[in-house]
Protein backbone atom coordinates (compact mmCIF):
# COMPACT_ATOMS: atom_id res chain seq x y z
CA MET A 1 62.06 6.03 -21.49
CA LYS A 2 64.99 7.18 -19.42
CA GLY A 3 68.25 8.25 -21.03
CA ASN A 4 70.39 5.44 -19.60
CA ILE A 5 68.00 2.86 -20.99
CA MET A 6 68.18 4.46 -24.41
CA VAL A 7 72.00 4.41 -24.31
CA LEU A 8 71.97 0.68 -23.66
CA ILE A 9 69.42 0.07 -26.39
CA PHE A 10 71.65 1.95 -28.80
CA LEU A 11 74.56 -0.33 -27.94
CA VAL A 12 72.60 -3.52 -28.55
CA LEU A 13 69.85 -2.95 -31.10
CA PRO A 14 71.82 -1.63 -34.10
CA LEU A 15 72.95 -5.23 -34.53
CA MET A 16 69.29 -5.99 -35.30
CA MET A 17 69.59 -4.56 -38.82
CA SER A 18 69.57 -2.51 -39.39
CA GLY A 19 49.29 14.34 -50.08
CA CYS A 20 52.19 12.66 -51.92
CA GLY A 21 55.30 14.09 -53.46
CA GLN A 22 56.56 13.43 -56.94
CA LYS A 23 58.50 10.25 -57.70
CA LYS A 24 62.20 10.35 -58.46
CA GLN A 25 63.47 7.54 -60.66
CA GLU A 26 66.96 6.08 -60.43
CA VAL A 27 68.25 3.42 -62.81
CA ILE A 28 70.72 1.18 -61.01
CA GLU A 29 73.27 -0.83 -62.98
CA ASP A 30 74.76 -4.01 -61.53
CA LYS A 31 77.80 -5.55 -63.21
CA HIS A 32 77.00 -9.21 -62.66
CA ASN A 33 76.12 -10.32 -66.19
CA ILE A 34 72.45 -9.94 -65.41
CA PRO A 35 70.14 -8.32 -67.98
CA GLN A 36 69.66 -4.68 -67.04
CA GLY A 37 66.49 -2.68 -67.11
CA SER A 38 65.06 -2.95 -63.60
CA THR A 39 64.74 0.35 -61.77
CA LEU A 40 64.59 1.76 -58.28
CA GLU A 41 62.26 4.68 -57.75
CA THR A 42 62.52 6.84 -54.66
CA ILE A 43 59.26 8.35 -53.47
CA ARG A 44 58.94 11.00 -50.80
CA MET A 45 55.37 11.13 -49.57
CA HIS A 46 53.67 13.02 -46.80
CA SER A 47 52.04 10.81 -44.20
CA GLU A 48 48.94 12.21 -42.54
CA LYS A 49 49.07 9.40 -39.98
CA LEU A 50 52.58 10.39 -38.88
CA ASN A 51 52.48 14.06 -39.85
CA MET A 52 55.84 13.83 -41.55
CA ASP A 53 57.42 13.13 -44.93
CA MET A 54 58.53 9.54 -45.44
CA ASN A 55 60.80 7.93 -48.04
CA ILE A 56 59.86 4.77 -49.94
CA ASN A 57 61.98 2.82 -52.43
CA VAL A 58 60.21 0.86 -55.15
CA TYR A 59 61.81 -1.89 -57.24
CA LEU A 60 60.31 -2.30 -60.71
CA PRO A 61 61.37 -5.35 -62.75
CA GLN A 62 62.74 -5.22 -66.27
CA ASP A 63 60.01 -4.61 -68.89
CA TYR A 64 57.70 -3.35 -66.14
CA ASP A 65 55.32 -1.68 -68.62
CA MET A 66 54.87 -4.91 -70.58
CA GLN A 67 52.63 -6.47 -67.93
CA GLU A 68 49.36 -5.10 -66.56
CA GLU A 69 49.50 -6.36 -62.98
CA TYR A 70 52.31 -7.47 -60.67
CA PRO A 71 52.39 -8.98 -57.19
CA VAL A 72 53.91 -6.71 -54.55
CA LEU A 73 56.27 -7.53 -51.70
CA TYR A 74 56.40 -4.99 -48.88
CA LEU A 75 59.90 -5.31 -47.40
CA LEU A 76 60.51 -3.88 -43.91
CA HIS A 77 63.99 -3.00 -42.66
CA GLY A 78 65.57 -3.69 -39.28
CA TYR A 79 66.47 -1.40 -36.40
CA SER A 80 68.63 1.55 -37.50
CA GLY A 81 67.82 0.74 -41.13
CA ASN A 82 65.70 2.55 -43.71
CA GLU A 83 64.20 2.23 -47.19
CA GLY A 84 67.70 1.46 -48.54
CA VAL A 85 67.26 -2.20 -47.52
CA LEU A 86 66.51 -3.05 -51.18
CA LYS A 87 70.09 -2.29 -52.19
CA GLN A 88 71.90 -2.91 -48.93
CA LYS A 89 70.62 -6.47 -48.49
CA HIS A 90 70.94 -7.56 -52.15
CA PHE A 91 67.21 -7.89 -52.80
CA LYS A 92 67.41 -5.94 -56.06
CA LEU A 93 70.35 -7.95 -57.36
CA GLU A 94 68.77 -11.29 -56.44
CA ALA A 95 65.40 -10.31 -57.90
CA ASP A 96 67.08 -9.33 -61.17
CA LYS A 97 68.91 -12.66 -61.26
CA LEU A 98 65.96 -14.90 -60.42
CA ILE A 99 63.62 -13.13 -62.83
CA SER A 100 66.19 -13.38 -65.63
CA GLN A 101 66.56 -17.11 -64.84
CA ASP A 102 62.76 -17.52 -64.98
CA LYS A 103 62.70 -18.86 -61.40
CA ILE A 104 60.33 -16.26 -59.95
CA MET A 105 57.46 -14.22 -61.29
CA PRO A 106 58.37 -10.57 -61.92
CA LEU A 107 57.26 -8.58 -58.91
CA ILE A 108 57.31 -5.10 -57.44
CA ILE A 109 59.19 -4.70 -54.14
CA VAL A 110 58.27 -1.76 -51.91
CA ALA A 111 60.62 -0.77 -49.09
CA PRO A 112 59.12 1.97 -46.90
CA ASN A 113 61.05 3.73 -44.19
CA MET A 114 59.46 2.57 -40.93
CA ASN A 115 61.93 4.33 -38.58
CA ASN A 116 62.64 2.44 -35.33
CA SER A 117 58.95 1.76 -34.75
CA TYR A 118 58.51 -2.04 -34.74
CA GLY A 119 55.58 -1.36 -37.09
CA ILE A 120 53.05 -0.91 -34.30
CA ASN A 121 50.44 1.75 -33.56
CA SER A 122 52.07 3.05 -30.40
CA SER A 123 50.89 6.68 -30.16
CA ASP A 124 48.39 9.02 -31.83
CA THR A 125 51.21 11.56 -32.07
CA ALA A 126 54.43 10.63 -33.82
CA ARG A 127 57.54 11.32 -31.79
CA THR A 128 61.08 10.12 -31.29
CA LEU A 129 62.37 8.81 -27.96
CA GLY A 130 66.09 9.32 -27.43
CA ASP A 131 68.46 10.89 -29.92
CA ASP A 132 70.92 9.85 -32.60
CA SER A 133 73.80 9.59 -30.16
CA SER A 134 71.98 7.48 -27.56
CA GLY A 135 69.71 5.42 -29.79
CA THR A 136 66.08 6.04 -30.68
CA LEU A 137 62.66 4.48 -30.71
CA ASN A 138 59.84 5.93 -32.78
CA GLU A 139 56.24 6.14 -31.65
CA GLY A 140 53.31 6.78 -33.94
CA MET A 141 50.60 5.10 -36.02
CA TYR A 142 53.09 3.09 -38.07
CA LYS A 143 50.85 0.11 -38.83
CA ASP A 144 48.14 2.45 -40.08
CA TYR A 145 50.73 4.37 -42.10
CA LEU A 146 51.69 1.22 -43.97
CA CYS A 147 48.22 -0.27 -44.36
CA HIS A 148 46.18 2.87 -45.01
CA GLU A 149 48.66 5.15 -46.79
CA VAL A 150 51.53 3.25 -48.38
CA ILE A 151 49.53 0.34 -49.78
CA PRO A 152 46.74 2.50 -51.30
CA TYR A 153 49.36 4.79 -52.85
CA ILE A 154 51.22 1.87 -54.43
CA ASP A 155 48.01 0.28 -55.72
CA THR A 156 46.90 3.59 -57.22
CA ASN A 157 50.18 4.51 -58.90
CA TYR A 158 51.64 1.16 -60.01
CA HIS A 159 50.50 -1.90 -61.97
CA THR A 160 49.69 -4.05 -58.96
CA ILE A 161 47.45 -6.98 -58.16
CA ASP A 162 45.15 -5.04 -55.85
CA ALA A 163 44.12 -8.02 -53.74
CA LYS A 164 45.58 -10.07 -50.90
CA GLU A 165 46.44 -12.90 -53.30
CA GLY A 166 49.07 -10.68 -54.91
CA ARG A 167 50.28 -8.85 -51.81
CA TYR A 168 53.05 -10.09 -49.51
CA ILE A 169 54.92 -8.64 -46.53
CA GLY A 170 58.26 -9.59 -45.03
CA GLY A 171 60.94 -8.07 -42.88
CA ILE A 172 64.35 -8.38 -41.30
CA SER A 173 64.89 -8.51 -37.52
CA MET A 174 62.78 -5.60 -36.17
CA GLY A 175 61.14 -5.55 -39.60
CA GLY A 176 60.40 -9.26 -39.26
CA PHE A 177 58.54 -8.56 -36.03
CA ALA A 178 56.70 -5.72 -37.78
CA ALA A 179 55.77 -7.85 -40.80
CA LEU A 180 54.35 -10.65 -38.64
CA HIS A 181 52.51 -8.19 -36.39
CA ILE A 182 50.95 -6.37 -39.34
CA ALA A 183 50.03 -9.52 -41.28
CA PHE A 184 48.47 -11.20 -38.24
CA SER A 185 46.44 -8.08 -37.47
CA GLN A 186 45.46 -7.48 -41.15
CA PRO A 187 45.06 -10.95 -42.71
CA ASP A 188 42.63 -9.44 -45.22
CA LEU A 189 45.55 -7.57 -46.84
CA PHE A 190 48.25 -10.23 -47.29
CA SER A 191 48.52 -13.82 -48.51
CA LYS A 192 52.16 -14.40 -47.46
CA VAL A 193 54.34 -13.13 -44.64
CA GLY A 194 58.01 -13.69 -43.87
CA GLY A 195 59.90 -13.14 -40.65
CA HIS A 196 63.63 -13.25 -41.40
CA MET A 197 65.60 -13.59 -38.15
CA PRO A 198 62.54 -11.77 -36.66
CA ALA A 199 62.85 -9.95 -33.34
CA LEU A 200 60.63 -12.37 -31.41
CA PHE A 201 61.49 -11.91 -27.77
CA ILE A 202 60.39 -14.44 -25.16
CA ASP A 203 61.95 -13.75 -21.78
CA LYS A 204 65.25 -12.04 -22.57
CA PHE A 205 64.75 -8.40 -23.56
CA PRO A 206 67.68 -6.06 -24.15
CA TYR A 207 67.64 -3.40 -21.49
CA ASP A 208 63.97 -2.91 -20.66
CA LEU A 209 62.78 -2.82 -24.27
CA ASP A 210 59.75 -4.80 -23.08
CA LYS A 211 58.63 -1.83 -20.95
CA TRP A 212 58.20 0.20 -24.14
CA LEU A 213 57.07 -2.53 -26.52
CA TYR A 214 54.78 -4.32 -24.05
CA PRO A 215 53.85 -1.87 -21.28
CA SER A 216 50.94 -4.10 -20.22
CA ASP A 217 49.76 -7.69 -20.64
CA VAL A 218 46.85 -6.47 -22.74
CA LEU A 219 49.14 -4.65 -25.16
CA ARG A 220 51.48 -7.61 -25.39
CA LYS A 221 48.60 -9.80 -26.53
CA GLU A 222 47.74 -7.17 -29.13
CA ARG A 223 51.30 -6.64 -30.39
CA ASP A 224 53.41 -9.76 -29.90
CA PRO A 225 53.15 -12.04 -32.98
CA ILE A 226 53.58 -15.10 -30.73
CA TYR A 227 50.49 -14.16 -28.70
CA MET A 228 48.59 -12.87 -31.73
CA ALA A 229 49.03 -16.16 -33.58
CA LYS A 230 46.95 -17.98 -30.96
CA THR A 231 43.78 -16.03 -31.71
CA ALA A 232 44.22 -14.35 -35.11
CA ASP A 233 42.12 -15.59 -38.03
CA ILE A 234 45.05 -16.40 -40.33
CA ALA A 235 43.92 -19.71 -41.82
CA ASN A 236 44.73 -18.61 -45.38
CA LEU A 237 48.06 -16.97 -44.62
CA LYS A 238 51.34 -18.62 -45.69
CA VAL A 239 54.16 -18.01 -43.21
CA TYR A 240 57.94 -18.26 -43.60
CA LEU A 241 60.22 -18.10 -40.55
CA ASP A 242 63.99 -18.38 -40.48
CA CYS A 243 66.85 -17.66 -38.12
CA GLY A 244 70.56 -18.34 -37.71
CA LYS A 245 71.71 -21.08 -35.32
CA ASP A 246 74.13 -18.60 -33.75
CA ASP A 247 71.75 -15.64 -33.60
CA SER A 248 73.13 -13.41 -30.85
CA PHE A 249 69.62 -12.51 -29.66
CA GLU A 250 68.50 -16.15 -29.66
CA PHE A 251 65.52 -15.31 -31.83
CA TYR A 252 65.45 -18.98 -32.88
CA ASN A 253 63.61 -19.59 -29.60
CA GLY A 254 60.83 -17.19 -30.55
CA CYS A 255 60.71 -18.64 -34.07
CA ALA A 256 60.40 -22.19 -32.74
CA LYS A 257 57.60 -21.18 -30.36
CA LEU A 258 55.68 -19.35 -33.06
CA HIS A 259 56.23 -22.21 -35.48
CA LYS A 260 54.66 -24.71 -33.07
CA ILE A 261 51.63 -22.49 -32.48
CA LEU A 262 51.07 -22.14 -36.20
CA LEU A 263 51.51 -25.87 -36.82
CA ASP A 264 48.97 -26.64 -34.09
CA LYS A 265 46.53 -24.32 -35.90
CA GLU A 266 47.32 -26.10 -39.20
CA ILE A 267 48.65 -22.92 -40.75
CA ASP A 268 50.80 -23.26 -43.87
CA VAL A 269 54.13 -22.44 -42.19
CA GLN A 270 57.77 -23.30 -42.77
CA TYR A 271 60.65 -22.68 -40.39
CA HIS A 272 64.30 -22.80 -41.41
CA LEU A 273 67.04 -22.86 -38.78
CA ASN A 274 70.12 -22.07 -40.84
CA ASP A 275 73.81 -21.65 -40.21
CA GLY A 276 74.71 -18.07 -39.39
CA GLU A 277 74.48 -15.21 -36.95
CA HIS A 278 72.32 -12.09 -36.59
CA ASP A 279 74.01 -10.01 -39.25
CA ASN A 280 74.05 -8.81 -42.85
CA GLU A 281 75.96 -11.87 -44.03
CA TYR A 282 73.12 -14.12 -42.85
CA ILE A 283 70.53 -12.11 -44.80
CA HIS A 284 72.71 -11.89 -47.92
CA GLY A 285 73.05 -15.68 -47.92
CA ASN A 286 69.30 -16.27 -47.78
CA VAL A 287 67.72 -13.58 -49.98
CA GLU A 288 67.28 -16.02 -52.86
CA LYS A 289 65.27 -18.38 -50.61
CA TYR A 290 63.07 -15.50 -49.49
CA LEU A 291 62.25 -14.39 -53.02
CA LEU A 292 61.49 -17.96 -54.05
CA PHE A 293 58.99 -18.16 -51.19
CA TYR A 294 57.24 -14.96 -52.17
CA SER A 295 57.23 -15.26 -55.95
CA ARG A 296 58.32 -18.73 -57.11
CA LYS A 297 56.94 -19.70 -60.54
């Protein structure tokens, strides 16, 4: 991708939200009158699929060791984001609150760093297009990294429900696109998927992003969740879509189109068009609804 294209992507996309190493454990304290005891662990693991070390944050609920198996939510960040989405977008705080109020089942939340990849398998060799000053896109086997490295590691090292019934995936903006793409292509792995203001483009692409994301009609049908939904065998998948009425990228159009396709296929889907824009404030205001979808008692 040419440099001037990457400069323009940098100006627009940051608005879109932004063997294995030993685990490092960090106990986070929130002063909101919520019982303490949940933890965030930071893992740095080597990915063979990407040939690089990758960070993962793991939320463990209070009294984690008191239960044998927990459901797991894989939470994917937006463009320019990272594994810090658990803290930055209030997921830890809201999970603590809802668990303490007995509104959701205790769960593990896993936030892997996905770089600016859109969660697709785009290249056998991992590489970065652009640079930090002009904006970047990351190529590599990112779907395989999540499905064949991160998930097996989590199931091996934590008290998880090692089955699709106890495994969910969701994401924000670019991460919402990635979550839908991965769930639709791997319905054997997940029982629920959430796209939260997901980057579902229809006709309006910021500055030739479509030439990288969908370089051919064949690849668009393999990558675009809207196209994938028409043919994917996702009868047992529960889907949650939401977007702000004033989303600057107009992703409500993509959500509405995907919603109709899923309804026509009689998929268990819900779509919420809420007040708000494409920003952190919108996500902060809806985290509780997301967690209730994934883990409501």
